[in-house]
PDB file of N, CA and C in Angstrom:
ATOM      1  N   MET A   1     -59.278  18.786  -9.948  1.00  0.00           N
ATOM      2  CA  MET A   1     -59.932  17.511 -10.227  1.00  0.00           C
ATOM      3  C   MET A   1     -59.369  16.457  -9.265  1.00  0.00           C
ATOM      4  N   LEU A   2     -60.213  15.619  -8.751  1.00  0.00           N
ATOM      5  CA  LEU A   2     -59.777  14.571  -7.838  1.00  0.00           C
ATOM      6  C   LEU A   2     -58.887  13.561  -8.556  1.00  0.00           C
ATOM      7  N   PRO A   3     -57.912  12.990  -7.844  1.00  0.00           N
ATOM      8  CA  PRO A   3     -57.002  12.025  -8.485  1.00  0.00           C
ATOM      9  C   PRO A   3     -57.727  10.870  -9.166  1.00  0.00           C
ATOM     10  N   MET A   4     -58.760  10.313  -8.543  1.00  0.00           N
ATOM     11  CA  MET A   4     -59.461   9.173  -9.144  1.00  0.00           C
ATOM     12  C   MET A   4     -60.191   9.608 -10.410  1.00  0.00           C
ATOM     13  N   ALA A   5     -60.760  10.805 -10.388  1.00  0.00           N
ATOM     14  CA  ALA A   5     -61.449  11.319 -11.572  1.00  0.00           C
ATOM     15  C   ALA A   5     -60.458  11.527 -12.713  1.00  0.00           C
ATOM     16  N   ARG A   6     -59.267  12.023 -12.382  1.00  0.00           N
ATOM     17  CA  ARG A   6     -58.231  12.205 -13.408  1.00  0.00           C
ATOM     18  C   ARG A   6     -57.816  10.860 -13.979  1.00  0.00           C
ATOM     19  N   LEU A   7     -57.671   9.874 -13.129  1.00  0.00           N
ATOM     20  CA  LEU A   7     -57.284   8.536 -13.584  1.00  0.00           C
ATOM     21  C   LEU A   7     -58.340   7.967 -14.520  1.00  0.00           C
ATOM     22  N   MET A   8     -59.601   8.153 -14.191  1.00  0.00           N
ATOM     23  CA  MET A   8     -60.681   7.645 -15.035  1.00  0.00           C
ATOM     24  C   MET A   8     -60.691   8.358 -16.384  1.00  0.00           C
ATOM     25  N   LYS A   9     -60.395   9.658 -16.384  1.00  0.00           N
ATOM     26  CA  LYS A   9     -60.360  10.420 -17.637  1.00  0.00           C
ATOM     27  C   LYS A   9     -59.216   9.927 -18.519  1.00  0.00           C
ATOM     28  N   ILE A  10     -58.055   9.695 -17.916  1.00  0.00           N
ATOM     29  CA  ILE A  10     -56.904   9.187 -18.668  1.00  0.00           C
ATOM     30  C   ILE A  10     -57.225   7.815 -19.249  1.00  0.00           C
ATOM     31  N   GLU A  11     -57.850   6.955 -18.447  1.00  0.00           N
ATOM     32  CA  GLU A  11     -58.215   5.614 -18.923  1.00  0.00           C
ATOM     33  C   GLU A  11     -59.165   5.713 -20.121  1.00  0.00           C
ATOM     34  N   GLU A  12     -60.129   6.626 -20.045  1.00  0.00           N
ATOM     35  CA  GLU A  12     -61.089   6.805 -21.136  1.00  0.00           C
ATOM     36  C   GLU A  12     -60.385   7.267 -22.411  1.00  0.00           C
ATOM     37  N   GLU A  13     -59.428   8.191 -22.266  1.00  0.00           N
ATOM     38  CA  GLU A  13     -58.681   8.675 -23.428  1.00  0.00           C
ATOM     39  C   GLU A  13     -57.900   7.542 -24.087  1.00  0.00           C
ATOM     40  N   TYR A  14     -57.249   6.707 -23.283  1.00  0.00           N
ATOM     41  CA  TYR A  14     -56.460   5.616 -23.854  1.00  0.00           C
ATOM     42  C   TYR A  14     -57.338   4.545 -24.489  1.00  0.00           C
ATOM     43  N   LYS A  15     -58.503   4.307 -23.926  1.00  0.00           N
ATOM     44  CA  LYS A  15     -59.421   3.344 -24.544  1.00  0.00           C
ATOM     45  C   LYS A  15     -59.821   3.825 -25.928  1.00  0.00           C
ATOM     46  N   GLY A  16     -60.074   5.119 -26.067  1.00  0.00           N
ATOM     47  CA  GLY A  16     -60.414   5.687 -27.370  1.00  0.00           C
ATOM     48  C   GLY A  16     -59.277   5.529 -28.352  1.00  0.00           C
ATOM     49  N   LYS A  17     -58.052   5.745 -27.886  1.00  0.00           N
ATOM     50  CA  LYS A  17     -56.888   5.602 -28.762  1.00  0.00           C
ATOM     51  C   LYS A  17     -56.700   4.150 -29.181  1.00  0.00           C
ATOM     52  N   LEU A  18     -56.981   3.231 -28.300  1.00  0.00           N
ATOM     53  CA  LEU A  18     -56.834   1.816 -28.636  1.00  0.00           C
ATOM     54  C   LEU A  18     -57.901   1.382 -29.639  1.00  0.00           C
ATOM     55  N   GLU A  19     -59.077   1.998 -29.590  1.00  0.00           N
ATOM     56  CA  GLU A  19     -60.118   1.703 -30.580  1.00  0.00           C
ATOM     57  C   GLU A  19     -59.652   2.123 -31.974  1.00  0.00           C
ATOM     58  N   ILE A  20     -59.003   3.276 -32.073  1.00  0.00           N
ATOM     59  CA  ILE A  20     -58.481   3.764 -33.356  1.00  0.00           C
ATOM     60  C   ILE A  20     -57.457   2.776 -33.909  1.00  0.00           C
ATOM     61  N   ALA A  21     -56.683   2.171 -33.026  1.00  0.00           N
ATOM     62  CA  ALA A  21     -55.618   1.266 -33.446  1.00  0.00           C
ATOM     63  C   ALA A  21     -56.155   0.026 -34.162  1.00  0.00           C
ATOM     64  N   LYS A  22     -57.397  -0.320 -33.952  1.00  0.00           N
ATOM     65  CA  LYS A  22     -57.972  -1.502 -34.602  1.00  0.00           C
ATOM     66  C   LYS A  22     -57.962  -1.373 -36.122  1.00  0.00           C
ATOM     67  N   GLU A  23     -57.971  -0.144 -36.634  1.00  0.00           N
ATOM     68  CA  GLU A  23     -58.016   0.086 -38.076  1.00  0.00           C
ATOM     69  C   GLU A  23     -56.624   0.232 -38.698  1.00  0.00           C
ATOM     70  N   MET A  24     -55.581   0.095 -37.907  1.00  0.00           N
ATOM     71  CA  MET A  24     -54.214   0.298 -38.398  1.00  0.00           C
ATOM     72  C   MET A  24     -53.595  -1.010 -38.878  1.00  0.00           C
ATOM     73  N   SER A  25     -52.483  -0.876 -39.612  1.00  0.00           N
ATOM     74  CA  SER A  25     -51.721  -2.058 -40.023  1.00  0.00           C
ATOM     75  C   SER A  25     -51.034  -2.650 -38.791  1.00  0.00           C
ATOM     76  N   ASP A  26     -50.507  -3.859 -38.922  1.00  0.00           N
ATOM     77  CA  ASP A  26     -49.877  -4.522 -37.778  1.00  0.00           C
ATOM     78  C   ASP A  26     -48.718  -3.713 -37.203  1.00  0.00           C
ATOM     79  N   ASN A  27     -47.844  -3.183 -38.055  1.00  0.00           N
ATOM     80  CA  ASN A  27     -46.709  -2.408 -37.556  1.00  0.00           C
ATOM     81  C   ASN A  27     -47.168  -1.141 -36.848  1.00  0.00           C
ATOM     82  N   GLU A  28     -48.177  -0.485 -37.400  1.00  0.00           N
ATOM     83  CA  GLU A  28     -48.717   0.715 -36.755  1.00  0.00           C
ATOM     84  C   GLU A  28     -49.337   0.366 -35.406  1.00  0.00           C
ATOM     85  N   LYS A  29     -50.003  -0.779 -35.339  1.00  0.00           N
ATOM     86  CA  LYS A  29     -50.621  -1.215 -34.084  1.00  0.00           C
ATOM     87  C   LYS A  29     -49.572  -1.423 -33.002  1.00  0.00           C
ATOM     88  N   ILE A  30     -48.484  -2.080 -33.369  1.00  0.00           N
ATOM     89  CA  ILE A  30     -47.433  -2.357 -32.388  1.00  0.00           C
ATOM     90  C   ILE A  30     -46.915  -1.058 -31.794  1.00  0.00           C
ATOM     91  N   ILE A  31     -46.613  -0.099 -32.645  1.00  0.00           N
ATOM     92  CA  ILE A  31     -46.096   1.187 -32.174  1.00  0.00           C
ATOM     93  C   ILE A  31     -47.147   1.895 -31.317  1.00  0.00           C
ATOM     94  N   HIS A  32     -48.385   1.877 -31.765  1.00  0.00           N
ATOM     95  CA  HIS A  32     -49.469   2.563 -31.061  1.00  0.00           C
ATOM     96  C   HIS A  32     -49.718   1.926 -29.696  1.00  0.00           C
ATOM     97  N   TYR A  33     -49.800   0.602 -29.647  1.00  0.00           N
ATOM     98  CA  TYR A  33     -50.053  -0.080 -28.379  1.00  0.00           C
ATOM     99  C   TYR A  33     -48.899   0.125 -27.406  1.00  0.00           C
ATOM    100  N   GLN A  34     -47.652   0.088 -27.900  1.00  0.00           N
ATOM    101  CA  GLN A  34     -46.508   0.316 -27.020  1.00  0.00           C
ATOM    102  C   GLN A  34     -46.579   1.706 -26.405  1.00  0.00           C
ATOM    103  N   GLY A  35     -46.904   2.702 -27.227  1.00  0.00           N
ATOM    104  CA  GLY A  35     -47.020   4.071 -26.723  1.00  0.00           C
ATOM    105  C   GLY A  35     -48.143   4.206 -25.706  1.00  0.00           C
ATOM    106  N   ALA A  36     -49.270   3.576 -25.988  1.00  0.00           N
ATOM    107  CA  ALA A  36     -50.407   3.638 -25.067  1.00  0.00           C
ATOM    108  C   ALA A  36     -50.068   2.955 -23.749  1.00  0.00           C
ATOM    109  N   CYS A  37     -49.393   1.823 -23.814  1.00  0.00           N
ATOM    110  CA  CYS A  37     -49.023   1.100 -22.595  1.00  0.00           C
ATOM    111  C   CYS A  37     -48.036   1.901 -21.759  1.00  0.00           C
ATOM    112  N   GLU A  38     -47.062   2.518 -22.411  1.00  0.00           N
ATOM    113  CA  GLU A  38     -46.094   3.341 -21.688  1.00  0.00           C
ATOM    114  C   GLU A  38     -46.793   4.521 -21.022  1.00  0.00           C
ATOM    115  N   GLY A  39     -47.706   5.154 -21.744  1.00  0.00           N
ATOM    116  CA  GLY A  39     -48.448   6.275 -21.173  1.00  0.00           C
ATOM    117  C   GLY A  39     -49.289   5.849 -19.986  1.00  0.00           C
ATOM    118  N   LEU A  40     -49.906   4.689 -20.088  1.00  0.00           N
ATOM    119  CA  LEU A  40     -50.727   4.188 -18.995  1.00  0.00           C
ATOM    120  C   LEU A  40     -49.864   3.829 -17.787  1.00  0.00           C
ATOM    121  N   LYS A  41     -48.674   3.274 -18.012  1.00  0.00           N
ATOM    122  CA  LYS A  41     -47.752   2.970 -16.910  1.00  0.00           C
ATOM    123  C   LYS A  41     -47.381   4.242 -16.162  1.00  0.00           C
ATOM    124  N   VAL A  42     -47.086   5.308 -16.911  1.00  0.00           N
ATOM    125  CA  VAL A  42     -46.722   6.583 -16.290  1.00  0.00           C
ATOM    126  C   VAL A  42     -47.897   7.120 -15.477  1.00  0.00           C
ATOM    127  N   ALA A  43     -49.090   7.066 -16.061  1.00  0.00           N
ATOM    128  CA  ALA A  43     -50.277   7.558 -15.358  1.00  0.00           C
ATOM    129  C   ALA A  43     -50.534   6.750 -14.088  1.00  0.00           C
ATOM    130  N   MET A  44     -50.421   5.436 -14.178  1.00  0.00           N
ATOM    131  CA  MET A  44     -50.671   4.590 -13.014  1.00  0.00           C
ATOM    132  C   MET A  44     -49.631   4.828 -11.926  1.00  0.00           C
ATOM    133  N   SER A  45     -48.368   5.003 -12.311  1.00  0.00           N
ATOM    134  CA  SER A  45     -47.337   5.239 -11.303  1.00  0.00           C
ATOM    135  C   SER A  45     -47.567   6.573 -10.598  1.00  0.00           C
ATOM    136  N   ALA A  46     -48.112   7.552 -11.322  1.00  0.00           N
ATOM    137  CA  ALA A  46     -48.392   8.851 -10.718  1.00  0.00           C
ATOM    138  C   ALA A  46     -49.530   8.754  -9.699  1.00  0.00           C
ATOM    139  N   PHE A  47     -50.466   7.837  -9.916  1.00  0.00           N
ATOM    140  CA  PHE A  47     -51.625   7.727  -9.035  1.00  0.00           C
ATOM    141  C   PHE A  47     -51.487   6.623  -7.993  1.00  0.00           C
ATOM    142  N   THR A  48     -50.414   5.848  -8.031  1.00  0.00           N
ATOM    143  CA  THR A  48     -50.236   4.740  -7.091  1.00  0.00           C
ATOM    144  C   THR A  48     -50.352   5.178  -5.633  1.00  0.00           C
ATOM    145  N   PRO A  49     -49.722   6.295  -5.242  1.00  0.00           N
ATOM    146  CA  PRO A  49     -49.856   6.692  -3.827  1.00  0.00           C
ATOM    147  C   PRO A  49     -51.309   6.908  -3.396  1.00  0.00           C
ATOM    148  N   TYR A  50     -52.148   7.379  -4.299  1.00  0.00           N
ATOM    149  CA  TYR A  50     -53.554   7.618  -3.961  1.00  0.00           C
ATOM    150  C   TYR A  50     -54.342   6.317  -3.906  1.00  0.00           C
ATOM    151  N   LEU A  51     -53.959   5.338  -4.721  1.00  0.00           N
ATOM    152  CA  LEU A  51     -54.694   4.081  -4.785  1.00  0.00           C
ATOM    153  C   LEU A  51     -54.351   3.146  -3.636  1.00  0.00           C
ATOM    154  N   ASN A  52     -53.192   3.347  -3.008  1.00  0.00           N
ATOM    155  CA  ASN A  52     -52.744   2.461  -1.935  1.00  0.00           C
ATOM    156  C   ASN A  52     -53.222   2.894  -0.557  1.00  0.00           C
ATOM    157  N   LYS A  53     -54.059   3.919  -0.484  1.00  0.00           N
ATOM    158  CA  LYS A  53     -54.535   4.393   0.826  1.00  0.00           C
ATOM    159  C   LYS A  53     -55.504   3.425   1.434  1.00  0.00           C
TER     160      LYS A  53
END
């Protein structure tokens, strides 16, 4: 799979997870959003070399 396609798939997965978080309590949301943000940071750092071309 091409790097950009993988990045788009990861973004789509995290958007879905963030939609689920809307139905959670505040404490659950905080934990969920922190995890999603950390995962997205890792994904973005992995694709940075491809995006800077």
